PDB file of N, CA and C in Angstrom:
ATOM      1  N   UNK A   1     139.198  90.883 122.474  1.00  0.00           N
ATOM      2  CA  UNK A   1     139.778  90.667 123.783  1.00  0.00           C
ATOM      3  C   UNK A   1     140.651  91.883 124.117  1.00  0.00           C
ATOM      4  N   UNK A   2     140.490  92.402 125.310  1.00  0.00           N
ATOM      5  CA  UNK A   2     141.286  93.540 125.722  1.00  0.00           C
ATOM      6  C   UNK A   2     142.682  93.098 126.131  1.00  0.00           C
ATOM      7  N   UNK A   3     143.602  94.051 126.175  1.00  0.00           N
ATOM      8  CA  UNK A   3     144.990  93.734 126.520  1.00  0.00           C
ATOM      9  C   UNK A   3     145.102  93.108 127.905  1.00  0.00           C
ATOM     10  N   UNK A   4     144.273  93.557 128.851  1.00  0.00           N
ATOM     11  CA  UNK A   4     144.350  93.023 130.207  1.00  0.00           C
ATOM     12  C   UNK A   4     143.885  91.570 130.296  1.00  0.00           C
ATOM     13  N   UNK A   5     143.150  91.117 129.322  1.00  0.00           N
ATOM     14  CA  UNK A   5     142.642  89.749 129.362  1.00  0.00           C
ATOM     15  C   UNK A   5     143.758  88.719 129.223  1.00  0.00           C
ATOM     16  N   UNK A   6     144.959  89.161 128.933  1.00  0.00           N
ATOM     17  CA  UNK A   6     146.079  88.223 128.832  1.00  0.00           C
ATOM     18  C   UNK A   6     146.564  87.763 130.199  1.00  0.00           C
ATOM     19  N   UNK A   7     146.187  88.464 131.247  1.00  0.00           N
ATOM     20  CA  UNK A   7     146.565  88.056 132.592  1.00  0.00           C
ATOM     21  C   UNK A   7     145.653  86.916 133.034  1.00  0.00           C
ATOM     22  N   UNK A   8     146.206  85.822 133.584  1.00  0.00           N
ATOM     23  CA  UNK A   8     145.393  84.645 133.921  1.00  0.00           C
ATOM     24  C   UNK A   8     144.205  84.957 134.836  1.00  0.00           C
ATOM     25  N   UNK A   9     144.387  85.774 135.846  1.00  0.00           N
ATOM     26  CA  UNK A   9     143.287  86.074 136.766  1.00  0.00           C
ATOM     27  C   UNK A   9     142.178  86.848 136.051  1.00  0.00           C
ATOM     28  N   UNK A  10     142.567  87.835 135.248  1.00  0.00           N
ATOM     29  CA  UNK A  10     141.582  88.613 134.498  1.00  0.00           C
ATOM     30  C   UNK A  10     140.850  87.733 133.495  1.00  0.00           C
ATOM     31  N   UNK A  11     141.569  86.861 132.842  1.00  0.00           N
ATOM     32  CA  UNK A  11     140.945  85.951 131.877  1.00  0.00           C
ATOM     33  C   UNK A  11     139.940  85.041 132.573  1.00  0.00           C
ATOM     34  N   UNK A  12     140.259  84.557 133.759  1.00  0.00           N
ATOM     35  CA  UNK A  12     139.334  83.687 134.500  1.00  0.00           C
ATOM     36  C   UNK A  12     138.080  84.465 134.903  1.00  0.00           C
ATOM     37  N   UNK A  13     138.233  85.695 135.361  1.00  0.00           N
ATOM     38  CA  UNK A  13     137.071  86.533 135.705  1.00  0.00           C
ATOM     39  C   UNK A  13     136.215  86.742 134.465  1.00  0.00           C
ATOM     40  N   UNK A  14     136.854  87.031 133.355  1.00  0.00           N
ATOM     41  CA  UNK A  14     136.148  87.219 132.095  1.00  0.00           C
ATOM     42  C   UNK A  14     135.337  85.975 131.727  1.00  0.00           C
ATOM     43  N   UNK A  15     135.943  84.809 131.850  1.00  0.00           N
ATOM     44  CA  UNK A  15     135.253  83.552 131.515  1.00  0.00           C
ATOM     45  C   UNK A  15     134.047  83.325 132.431  1.00  0.00           C
ATOM     46  N   UNK A  16     134.215  83.571 133.716  1.00  0.00           N
ATOM     47  CA  UNK A  16     133.106  83.391 134.661  1.00  0.00           C
ATOM     48  C   UNK A  16     131.993  84.394 134.387  1.00  0.00           C
ATOM     49  N   UNK A  17     132.359  85.628 134.076  1.00  0.00           N
ATOM     50  CA  UNK A  17     131.349  86.634 133.752  1.00  0.00           C
ATOM     51  C   UNK A  17     130.627  86.299 132.454  1.00  0.00           C
ATOM     52  N   UNK A  18     131.360  85.829 131.465  1.00  0.00           N
ATOM     53  CA  UNK A  18     130.732  85.440 130.204  1.00  0.00           C
ATOM     54  C   UNK A  18     129.758  84.285 130.405  1.00  0.00           C
ATOM     55  N   UNK A  19     130.095  83.341 131.269  1.00  0.00           N
ATOM     56  CA  UNK A  19     129.182  82.221 131.542  1.00  0.00           C
ATOM     57  C   UNK A  19     127.889  82.719 132.160  1.00  0.00           C
ATOM     58  N   UNK A  20     127.985  83.655 133.082  1.00  0.00           N
ATOM     59  CA  UNK A  20     126.771  84.202 133.700  1.00  0.00           C
ATOM     60  C   UNK A  20     125.973  85.004 132.678  1.00  0.00           C
ATOM     61  N   UNK A  21     126.650  85.846 131.909  1.00  0.00           N
ATOM     62  CA  UNK A  21     125.953  86.715 130.958  1.00  0.00           C
ATOM     63  C   UNK A  21     125.340  85.943 129.791  1.00  0.00           C
ATOM     64  N   UNK A  22     126.044  84.939 129.295  1.00  0.00           N
ATOM     65  CA  UNK A  22     125.567  84.254 128.086  1.00  0.00           C
ATOM     66  C   UNK A  22     124.711  83.022 128.367  1.00  0.00           C
ATOM     67  N   UNK A  23     124.911  82.393 129.539  1.00  0.00           N
ATOM     68  CA  UNK A  23     124.190  81.157 129.843  1.00  0.00           C
ATOM     69  C   UNK A  23     123.368  81.239 131.125  1.00  0.00           C
ATOM     70  N   UNK A  24     123.522  82.341 131.854  1.00  0.00           N
ATOM     71  CA  UNK A  24     122.851  82.541 133.146  1.00  0.00           C
ATOM     72  C   UNK A  24     123.226  81.446 134.144  1.00  0.00           C
ATOM     73  N   UNK A  25     124.498  81.049 134.140  1.00  0.00           N
ATOM     74  CA  UNK A  25     125.003  80.069 135.100  1.00  0.00           C
ATOM     75  C   UNK A  25     126.175  80.676 135.867  1.00  0.00           C
ATOM     76  N   UNK A  26     126.312  80.257 137.114  1.00  0.00           N
ATOM     77  CA  UNK A  26     127.426  80.718 137.920  1.00  0.00           C
ATOM     78  C   UNK A  26     127.145  81.957 138.730  1.00  0.00           C
ATOM     79  N   UNK A  27     125.884  82.264 138.913  1.00  0.00           N
ATOM     80  CA  UNK A  27     125.534  83.442 139.693  1.00  0.00           C
ATOM     81  C   UNK A  27     124.045  83.683 139.691  1.00  0.00           C
ATOM     82  N   UNK A  28     123.683  84.874 140.057  1.00  0.00           N
ATOM     83  CA  UNK A  28     122.286  85.273 140.201  1.00  0.00           C
ATOM     84  C   UNK A  28     121.997  86.386 139.203  1.00  0.00           C
ATOM     85  N   UNK A  29     120.832  86.358 138.586  1.00  0.00           N
ATOM     86  CA  UNK A  29     120.418  87.397 137.652  1.00  0.00           C
ATOM     87  C   UNK A  29     119.258  88.162 138.281  1.00  0.00           C
ATOM     88  N   UNK A  30     119.431  89.479 138.402  1.00  0.00           N
ATOM     89  CA  UNK A  30     118.382  90.333 138.950  1.00  0.00           C
ATOM     90  C   UNK A  30     117.864  91.257 137.858  1.00  0.00           C
ATOM     91  N   UNK A  31     116.564  91.362 137.755  1.00  0.00           N
ATOM     92  CA  UNK A  31     115.928  92.275 136.812  1.00  0.00           C
ATOM     93  C   UNK A  31     115.277  93.391 137.626  1.00  0.00           C
ATOM     94  N   UNK A  32     115.621  94.634 137.327  1.00  0.00           N
ATOM     95  CA  UNK A  32     115.089  95.742 138.105  1.00  0.00           C
ATOM     96  C   UNK A  32     113.586  95.905 137.870  1.00  0.00           C
ATOM     97  N   UNK A  33     112.962  96.670 138.746  1.00  0.00           N
ATOM     98  CA  UNK A  33     111.517  96.913 138.639  1.00  0.00           C
ATOM     99  C   UNK A  33     111.179  97.568 137.308  1.00  0.00           C
ATOM    100  N   UNK A  34     112.001  98.511 136.877  1.00  0.00           N
ATOM    101  CA  UNK A  34     111.748  99.174 135.598  1.00  0.00           C
ATOM    102  C   UNK A  34     111.830  98.214 134.429  1.00  0.00           C
ATOM    103  N   UNK A  35     112.834  97.361 134.431  1.00  0.00           N
ATOM    104  CA  UNK A  35     112.975  96.366 133.367  1.00  0.00           C
ATOM    105  C   UNK A  35     111.763  95.446 133.340  1.00  0.00           C
ATOM    106  N   UNK A  36     111.276  95.063 134.515  1.00  0.00           N
ATOM    107  CA  UNK A  36     110.140  94.144 134.600  1.00  0.00           C
ATOM    108  C   UNK A  36     108.831  94.767 134.135  1.00  0.00           C
ATOM    109  N   UNK A  37     108.775  96.094 133.989  1.00  0.00           N
ATOM    110  CA  UNK A  37     107.549  96.722 133.480  1.00  0.00           C
ATOM    111  C   UNK A  37     107.428  96.587 131.967  1.00  0.00           C
ATOM    112  N   UNK A  38     108.522  96.215 131.308  1.00  0.00           N
ATOM    113  CA  UNK A  38     108.484  96.034 129.857  1.00  0.00           C
ATOM    114  C   UNK A  38     107.671  94.788 129.507  1.00  0.00           C
ATOM    115  N   UNK A  39     107.040  94.782 128.338  1.00  0.00           N
ATOM    116  CA  UNK A  39     106.338  93.568 127.901  1.00  0.00           C
ATOM    117  C   UNK A  39     107.308  92.386 127.835  1.00  0.00           C
ATOM    118  N   UNK A  40     106.805  91.196 128.085  1.00  0.00           N
ATOM    119  CA  UNK A  40     107.624  89.987 128.117  1.00  0.00           C
ATOM    120  C   UNK A  40     108.460  89.779 126.875  1.00  0.00           C
ATOM    121  N   UNK A  41     107.891  90.027 125.697  1.00  0.00           N
ATOM    122  CA  UNK A  41     108.653  89.811 124.468  1.00  0.00           C
ATOM    123  C   UNK A  41     109.786  90.829 124.333  1.00  0.00           C
ATOM    124  N   UNK A  42     109.601  92.045 124.864  1.00  0.00           N
ATOM    125  CA  UNK A  42     110.671  93.047 124.841  1.00  0.00           C
ATOM    126  C   UNK A  42     111.778  92.643 125.818  1.00  0.00           C
ATOM    127  N   UNK A  43     111.394  92.154 126.984  1.00  0.00           N
ATOM    128  CA  UNK A  43     112.386  91.669 127.946  1.00  0.00           C
ATOM    129  C   UNK A  43     113.220  90.546 127.319  1.00  0.00           C
ATOM    130  N   UNK A  44     112.540  89.619 126.681  1.00  0.00           N
ATOM    131  CA  UNK A  44     113.238  88.478 126.065  1.00  0.00           C
ATOM    132  C   UNK A  44     114.218  88.944 124.997  1.00  0.00           C
ATOM    133  N   UNK A  45     113.817  89.906 124.178  1.00  0.00           N
ATOM    134  CA  UNK A  45     114.692  90.411 123.119  1.00  0.00           C
ATOM    135  C   UNK A  45     115.922  91.103 123.712  1.00  0.00           C
ATOM    136  N   UNK A  46     115.735  91.854 124.779  1.00  0.00           N
ATOM    137  CA  UNK A  46     116.857  92.539 125.420  1.00  0.00           C
ATOM    138  C   UNK A  46     117.799  91.552 126.098  1.00  0.00           C
ATOM    139  N   UNK A  47     117.247  90.556 126.765  1.00  0.00           N
ATOM    140  CA  UNK A  47     118.095  89.538 127.396  1.00  0.00           C
ATOM    141  C   UNK A  47     118.885  88.761 126.342  1.00  0.00           C
ATOM    142  N   UNK A  48     118.266  88.504 125.213  1.00  0.00           N
ATOM    143  CA  UNK A  48     118.961  87.822 124.121  1.00  0.00           C
ATOM    144  C   UNK A  48     120.106  88.696 123.590  1.00  0.00           C
ATOM    145  N   UNK A  49     119.870  89.998 123.474  1.00  0.00           N
ATOM    146  CA  UNK A  49     120.913  90.914 123.014  1.00  0.00           C
ATOM    147  C   UNK A  49     122.081  90.939 124.003  1.00  0.00           C
ATOM    148  N   UNK A  50     121.775  90.892 125.298  1.00  0.00           N
ATOM    149  CA  UNK A  50     122.828  90.844 126.321  1.00  0.00           C
ATOM    150  C   UNK A  50     123.619  89.552 126.193  1.00  0.00           C
ATOM    151  N   UNK A  51     122.909  88.456 126.019  1.00  0.00           N
ATOM    152  CA  UNK A  51     123.580  87.155 125.917  1.00  0.00           C
ATOM    153  C   UNK A  51     124.503  87.079 124.706  1.00  0.00           C
ATOM    154  N   UNK A  52     124.122  87.749 123.616  1.00  0.00           N
ATOM    155  CA  UNK A  52     124.900  87.672 122.380  1.00  0.00           C
ATOM    156  C   UNK A  52     125.916  88.799 122.230  1.00  0.00           C
ATOM    157  N   UNK A  53     125.909  89.762 123.138  1.00  0.00           N
ATOM    158  CA  UNK A  53     126.852  90.873 123.047  1.00  0.00           C
ATOM    159  C   UNK A  53     128.280  90.346 123.148  1.00  0.00           C
ATOM    160  N   UNK A  54     129.128  90.800 122.238  1.00  0.00           N
ATOM    161  CA  UNK A  54     130.523  90.375 122.271  1.00  0.00           C
ATOM    162  C   UNK A  54     131.441  91.456 121.705  1.00  0.00           C
ATOM    163  N   UNK A  55     130.994  92.692 121.730  1.00  0.00           N
ATOM    164  CA  UNK A  55     131.762  93.795 121.167  1.00  0.00           C
ATOM    165  C   UNK A  55     132.527  94.529 122.270  1.00  0.00           C
ATOM    166  N   UNK A  56     133.328  93.790 123.021  1.00  0.00           N
ATOM    167  CA  UNK A  56     134.106  94.379 124.106  1.00  0.00           C
ATOM    168  C   UNK A  56     135.350  95.051 123.537  1.00  0.00           C
ATOM    169  N   UNK A  57     135.584  96.277 123.984  1.00  0.00           N
ATOM    170  CA  UNK A  57     136.734  97.059 123.547  1.00  0.00           C
ATOM    171  C   UNK A  57     137.390  97.687 124.783  1.00  0.00           C
ATOM    172  N   UNK A  58     138.585  98.218 124.637  1.00  0.00           N
ATOM    173  CA  UNK A  58     139.195  98.919 125.776  1.00  0.00           C
ATOM    174  C   UNK A  58     138.345 100.099 126.273  1.00  0.00           C
ATOM    175  N   UNK A  59     137.538 100.685 125.393  1.00  0.00           N
ATOM    176  CA  UNK A  59     136.681 101.802 125.803  1.00  0.00           C
ATOM    177  C   UNK A  59     135.523 101.354 126.688  1.00  0.00           C
ATOM    178  N   UNK A  60     134.893 100.236 126.357  1.00  0.00           N
ATOM    179  CA  UNK A  60     133.731  99.802 127.144  1.00  0.00           C
ATOM    180  C   UNK A  60     134.061  98.679 128.130  1.00  0.00           C
ATOM    181  N   UNK A  61     135.306  98.208 128.115  1.00  0.00           N
ATOM    182  CA  UNK A  61     135.723  97.129 129.008  1.00  0.00           C
ATOM    183  C   UNK A  61     137.186  97.353 129.419  1.00  0.00           C
ATOM    184  N   UNK A  62     137.470  98.452 130.117  1.00  0.00           N
ATOM    185  CA  UNK A  62     138.867  98.816 130.382  1.00  0.00           C
ATOM    186  C   UNK A  62     139.639  97.820 131.244  1.00  0.00           C
ATOM    187  N   UNK A  63     138.957  97.025 132.051  1.00  0.00           N
ATOM    188  CA  UNK A  63     139.651  96.059 132.910  1.00  0.00           C
ATOM    189  C   UNK A  63     139.638  94.642 132.336  1.00  0.00           C
ATOM    190  N   UNK A  64     138.975  94.457 131.195  1.00  0.00           N
ATOM    191  CA  UNK A  64     138.979  93.167 130.523  1.00  0.00           C
ATOM    192  C   UNK A  64     138.155  92.090 131.194  1.00  0.00           C
ATOM    193  N   UNK A  65     137.216  92.485 132.062  1.00  0.00           N
ATOM    194  CA  UNK A  65     136.446  91.500 132.828  1.00  0.00           C
ATOM    195  C   UNK A  65     135.077  91.170 132.231  1.00  0.00           C
ATOM    196  N   UNK A  66     134.661  91.874 131.207  1.00  0.00           N
ATOM    197  CA  UNK A  66     133.332  91.661 130.611  1.00  0.00           C
ATOM    198  C   UNK A  66     132.230  91.785 131.668  1.00  0.00           C
ATOM    199  N   UNK A  67     132.345  92.790 132.515  1.00  0.00           N
ATOM    200  CA  UNK A  67     131.400  92.944 133.630  1.00  0.00           C
ATOM    201  C   UNK A  67     130.327  93.990 133.399  1.00  0.00           C
ATOM    202  N   UNK A  68     130.311  94.624 132.221  1.00  0.00           N
ATOM    203  CA  UNK A  68     129.306  95.641 131.924  1.00  0.00           C
ATOM    204  C   UNK A  68     128.958  95.581 130.450  1.00  0.00           C
ATOM    205  N   UNK A  69     127.647  95.651 130.152  1.00  0.00           N
ATOM    206  CA  UNK A  69     127.169  95.642 128.774  1.00  0.00           C
ATOM    207  C   UNK A  69     126.060  96.679 128.659  1.00  0.00           C
ATOM    208  N   UNK A  70     126.057  97.400 127.560  1.00  0.00           N
ATOM    209  CA  UNK A  70     124.959  98.309 127.220  1.00  0.00           C
ATOM    210  C   UNK A  70     124.436  97.889 125.855  1.00  0.00           C
ATOM    211  N   UNK A  71     123.136  97.612 125.783  1.00  0.00           N
ATOM    212  CA  UNK A  71     122.517  97.234 124.512  1.00  0.00           C
ATOM    213  C   UNK A  71     121.233  98.024 124.329  1.00  0.00           C
ATOM    214  N   UNK A  72     120.814  98.117 123.075  1.00  0.00           N
ATOM    215  CA  UNK A  72     119.568  98.803 122.754  1.00  0.00           C
ATOM    216  C   UNK A  72     118.801  97.966 121.737  1.00  0.00           C
ATOM    217  N   UNK A  73     117.527  97.766 121.999  1.00  0.00           N
ATOM    218  CA  UNK A  73     116.653  97.028 121.091  1.00  0.00           C
ATOM    219  C   UNK A  73     115.374  97.839 120.936  1.00  0.00           C
ATOM    220  N   UNK A  74     115.028  98.164 119.705  1.00  0.00           N
ATOM    221  CA  UNK A  74     113.803  98.916 119.411  1.00  0.00           C
ATOM    222  C   UNK A  74     113.679 100.170 120.267  1.00  0.00           C
ATOM    223  N   UNK A  75     114.779 100.890 120.423  1.00  0.00           N
ATOM    224  CA  UNK A  75     114.759 102.150 121.155  1.00  0.00           C
ATOM    225  C   UNK A  75     114.812 102.045 122.664  1.00  0.00           C
ATOM    226  N   UNK A  76     114.889 100.834 123.198  1.00  0.00           N
ATOM    227  CA  UNK A  76     114.993 100.653 124.648  1.00  0.00           C
ATOM    228  C   UNK A  76     116.428 100.271 124.969  1.00  0.00           C
ATOM    229  N   UNK A  77     117.083 101.123 125.786  1.00  0.00           N
ATOM    230  CA  UNK A  77     118.474 100.877 126.150  1.00  0.00           C
ATOM    231  C   UNK A  77     118.530 100.311 127.563  1.00  0.00           C
ATOM    232  N   UNK A  78     119.309  99.238 127.708  1.00  0.00           N
ATOM    233  CA  UNK A  78     119.487  98.625 129.025  1.00  0.00           C
ATOM    234  C   UNK A  78     120.966  98.440 129.311  1.00  0.00           C
ATOM    235  N   UNK A  79     121.263  98.390 130.608  1.00  0.00           N
ATOM    236  CA  UNK A  79     122.603  98.099 131.078  1.00  0.00           C
ATOM    237  C   UNK A  79     122.571  96.769 131.813  1.00  0.00           C
ATOM    238  N   UNK A  80     123.676  96.072 131.758  1.00  0.00           N
ATOM    239  CA  UNK A  80     123.857  94.812 132.467  1.00  0.00           C
ATOM    240  C   UNK A  80     125.182  94.931 133.199  1.00  0.00           C
ATOM    241  N   UNK A  81     125.156  94.820 134.523  1.00  0.00           N
ATOM    242  CA  UNK A  81     126.352  94.983 135.345  1.00  0.00           C
ATOM    243  C   UNK A  81     126.528  93.756 136.219  1.00  0.00           C
ATOM    244  N   UNK A  82     127.737  93.215 136.250  1.00  0.00           N
ATOM    245  CA  UNK A  82     128.049  92.069 137.103  1.00  0.00           C
ATOM    246  C   UNK A  82     128.912  92.553 138.259  1.00  0.00           C
ATOM    247  N   UNK A  83     128.473  92.241 139.474  1.00  0.00           N
ATOM    248  CA  UNK A  83     129.212  92.583 140.683  1.00  0.00           C
ATOM    249  C   UNK A  83     129.620  91.305 141.395  1.00  0.00           C
ATOM    250  N   UNK A  84     130.665  91.418 142.215  1.00  0.00           N
ATOM    251  CA  UNK A  84     131.248  90.262 142.894  1.00  0.00           C
ATOM    252  C   UNK A  84     131.103  90.423 144.403  1.00  0.00           C
ATOM    253  N   UNK A  85     130.478  89.442 145.029  1.00  0.00           N
ATOM    254  CA  UNK A  85     130.273  89.462 146.480  1.00  0.00           C
ATOM    255  C   UNK A  85     130.858  88.201 147.104  1.00  0.00           C
ATOM    256  N   UNK A  86     131.076  88.287 148.401  1.00  0.00           N
ATOM    257  CA  UNK A  86     131.481  87.087 149.130  1.00  0.00           C
ATOM    258  C   UNK A  86     130.273  86.151 149.175  1.00  0.00           C
ATOM    259  N   UNK A  87     130.455  84.888 149.525  1.00  0.00           N
ATOM    260  CA  UNK A  87     129.333  83.935 149.508  1.00  0.00           C
ATOM    261  C   UNK A  87     128.146  84.318 150.396  1.00  0.00           C
ATOM    262  N   UNK A  88     128.361  85.155 151.400  1.00  0.00           N
ATOM    263  CA  UNK A  88     127.256  85.573 152.275  1.00  0.00           C
ATOM    264  C   UNK A  88     126.549  86.820 151.754  1.00  0.00           C
ATOM    265  N   UNK A  89     127.047  87.383 150.682  1.00  0.00           N
ATOM    266  CA  UNK A  89     126.510  88.616 150.079  1.00  0.00           C
ATOM    267  C   UNK A  89     126.613  89.816 151.016  1.00  0.00           C
ATOM    268  N   UNK A  90     127.576  89.793 151.930  1.00  0.00           N
ATOM    269  CA  UNK A  90     127.744  90.874 152.896  1.00  0.00           C
ATOM    270  C   UNK A  90     128.814  91.885 152.484  1.00  0.00           C
ATOM    271  N   UNK A  91     129.763  91.461 151.657  1.00  0.00           N
ATOM    272  CA  UNK A  91     130.833  92.367 151.241  1.00  0.00           C
ATOM    273  C   UNK A  91     131.353  91.935 149.877  1.00  0.00           C
ATOM    274  N   UNK A  92     132.244  92.736 149.334  1.00  0.00           N
ATOM    275  CA  UNK A  92     132.830  92.396 148.040  1.00  0.00           C
ATOM    276  C   UNK A  92     133.654  91.115 148.154  1.00  0.00           C
ATOM    277  N   UNK A  93     133.729  90.396 147.057  1.00  0.00           N
ATOM    278  CA  UNK A  93     134.494  89.147 147.020  1.00  0.00           C
ATOM    279  C   UNK A  93     135.980  89.425 147.182  1.00  0.00           C
ATOM    280  N   UNK A  94     136.650  88.538 147.883  1.00  0.00           N
ATOM    281  CA  UNK A  94     138.094  88.665 148.087  1.00  0.00           C
ATOM    282  C   UNK A  94     138.864  88.347 146.808  1.00  0.00           C
ATOM    283  N   UNK A  95     138.308  87.444 145.985  1.00  0.00           N
ATOM    284  CA  UNK A  95     138.993  87.028 144.766  1.00  0.00           C
ATOM    285  C   UNK A  95     137.954  86.673 143.714  1.00  0.00           C
ATOM    286  N   UNK A  96     137.645  87.616 142.839  1.00  0.00           N
ATOM    287  CA  UNK A  96     136.599  87.420 141.829  1.00  0.00           C
ATOM    288  C   UNK A  96     136.935  86.320 140.830  1.00  0.00           C
ATOM    289  N   UNK A  97     138.190  85.895 140.776  1.00  0.00           N
ATOM    290  CA  UNK A  97     138.575  84.808 139.878  1.00  0.00           C
ATOM    291  C   UNK A  97     138.292  83.440 140.467  1.00  0.00           C
ATOM    292  N   UNK A  98     137.962  83.393 141.744  1.00  0.00           N
ATOM    293  CA  UNK A  98     137.705  82.124 142.429  1.00  0.00           C
ATOM    294  C   UNK A  98     136.200  81.970 142.650  1.00  0.00           C
ATOM    295  N   UNK A  99     135.540  81.082 141.898  1.00  0.00           N
ATOM    296  CA  UNK A  99     134.088  80.944 142.020  1.00  0.00           C
ATOM    297  C   UNK A  99     133.632  80.401 143.377  1.00  0.00           C
ATOM    298  N   UNK A 100     134.512  79.762 144.121  1.00  0.00           N
ATOM    299  CA  UNK A 100     134.157  79.275 145.452  1.00  0.00           C
ATOM    300  C   UNK A 100     134.035  80.435 146.436  1.00  0.00           C
ATOM    301  N   UNK A 101     134.841  81.481 146.218  1.00  0.00           N
ATOM    302  CA  UNK A 101     134.846  82.634 147.112  1.00  0.00           C
ATOM    303  C   UNK A 101     133.970  83.784 146.619  1.00  0.00           C
ATOM    304  N   UNK A 102     133.328  83.586 145.466  1.00  0.00           N
ATOM    305  CA  UNK A 102     132.610  84.692 144.834  1.00  0.00           C
ATOM    306  C   UNK A 102     131.195  84.303 144.437  1.00  0.00           C
ATOM    307  N   UNK A 103     130.257  85.151 144.805  1.00  0.00           N
ATOM    308  CA  UNK A 103     128.878  85.036 144.327  1.00  0.00           C
ATOM    309  C   UNK A 103     128.664  86.188 143.354  1.00  0.00           C
ATOM    310  N   UNK A 104     128.447  85.847 142.096  1.00  0.00           N
ATOM    311  CA  UNK A 104     128.232  86.862 141.065  1.00  0.00           C
ATOM    312  C   UNK A 104     126.763  87.259 141.020  1.00  0.00           C
ATOM    313  N   UNK A 105     126.539  88.560 140.877  1.00  0.00           N
ATOM    314  CA  UNK A 105     125.185  89.083 140.723  1.00  0.00           C
ATOM    315  C   UNK A 105     125.169  89.942 139.470  1.00  0.00           C
ATOM    316  N   UNK A 106     124.355  89.539 138.508  1.00  0.00           N
ATOM    317  CA  UNK A 106     124.193  90.299 137.272  1.00  0.00           C
ATOM    318  C   UNK A 106     122.872  91.049 137.351  1.00  0.00           C
ATOM    319  N   UNK A 107     122.953  92.379 137.320  1.00  0.00           N
ATOM    320  CA  UNK A 107     121.771  93.213 137.380  1.00  0.00           C
ATOM    321  C   UNK A 107     121.482  93.766 135.997  1.00  0.00           C
ATOM    322  N   UNK A 108     120.239  93.579 135.542  1.00  0.00           N
ATOM    323  CA  UNK A 108     119.799  94.113 134.253  1.00  0.00           C
ATOM    324  C   UNK A 108     118.822  95.239 134.550  1.00  0.00           C
ATOM    325  N   UNK A 109     119.126  96.429 134.026  1.00  0.00           N
ATOM    326  CA  UNK A 109     118.315  97.609 134.335  1.00  0.00           C
ATOM    327  C   UNK A 109     118.101  98.462 133.101  1.00  0.00           C
ATOM    328  N   UNK A 110     117.039  99.223 133.117  1.00  0.00           N
ATOM    329  CA  UNK A 110     116.854 100.240 132.090  1.00  0.00           C
ATOM    330  C   UNK A 110     117.954 101.278 132.267  1.00  0.00           C
ATOM    331  N   UNK A 111     118.457 101.820 131.173  1.00  0.00           N
ATOM    332  CA  UNK A 111     119.490 102.841 131.256  1.00  0.00           C
ATOM    333  C   UNK A 111     119.008 104.022 132.106  1.00  0.00           C
ATOM    334  N   UNK A 112     117.730 104.325 132.046  1.00  0.00           N
ATOM    335  CA  UNK A 112     117.155 105.437 132.814  1.00  0.00           C
ATOM    336  C   UNK A 112     117.180 105.174 134.310  1.00  0.00           C
ATOM    337  N   UNK A 113     117.316 103.918 134.721  1.00  0.00           N
ATOM    338  CA  UNK A 113     117.361 103.575 136.145  1.00  0.00           C
ATOM    339  C   UNK A 113     118.754 103.724 136.736  1.00  0.00           C
ATOM    340  N   UNK A 114     119.756 103.898 135.887  1.00  0.00           N
ATOM    341  CA  UNK A 114     121.127 103.962 136.366  1.00  0.00           C
ATOM    342  C   UNK A 114     121.405 105.264 137.086  1.00  0.00           C
TER     343      UNK A 114
END
């Protein structure tokens, strides 16, 4: 847990992001075109690695929100990024700690697509 995770709002964002990343609940999961070109079993292995990732440090999670993950399986590196939008998906969320005001979108992409 990062030092910033001690703040209640940051901790709540972290919990909501972890629920989306580990259980695919509380938001939308998008797989990029490049990711979808991978064989199904490779996609499944990478998604499983994302779901089980828990090595958050101040270096890879400076804001303590658990909103970005980089994993590699069998030489394929992918990124997973969670963004926060208002319920209409027209602008950024006013309060990412409030699930009523926030629609989370988790994008899974090949590192080469970034």
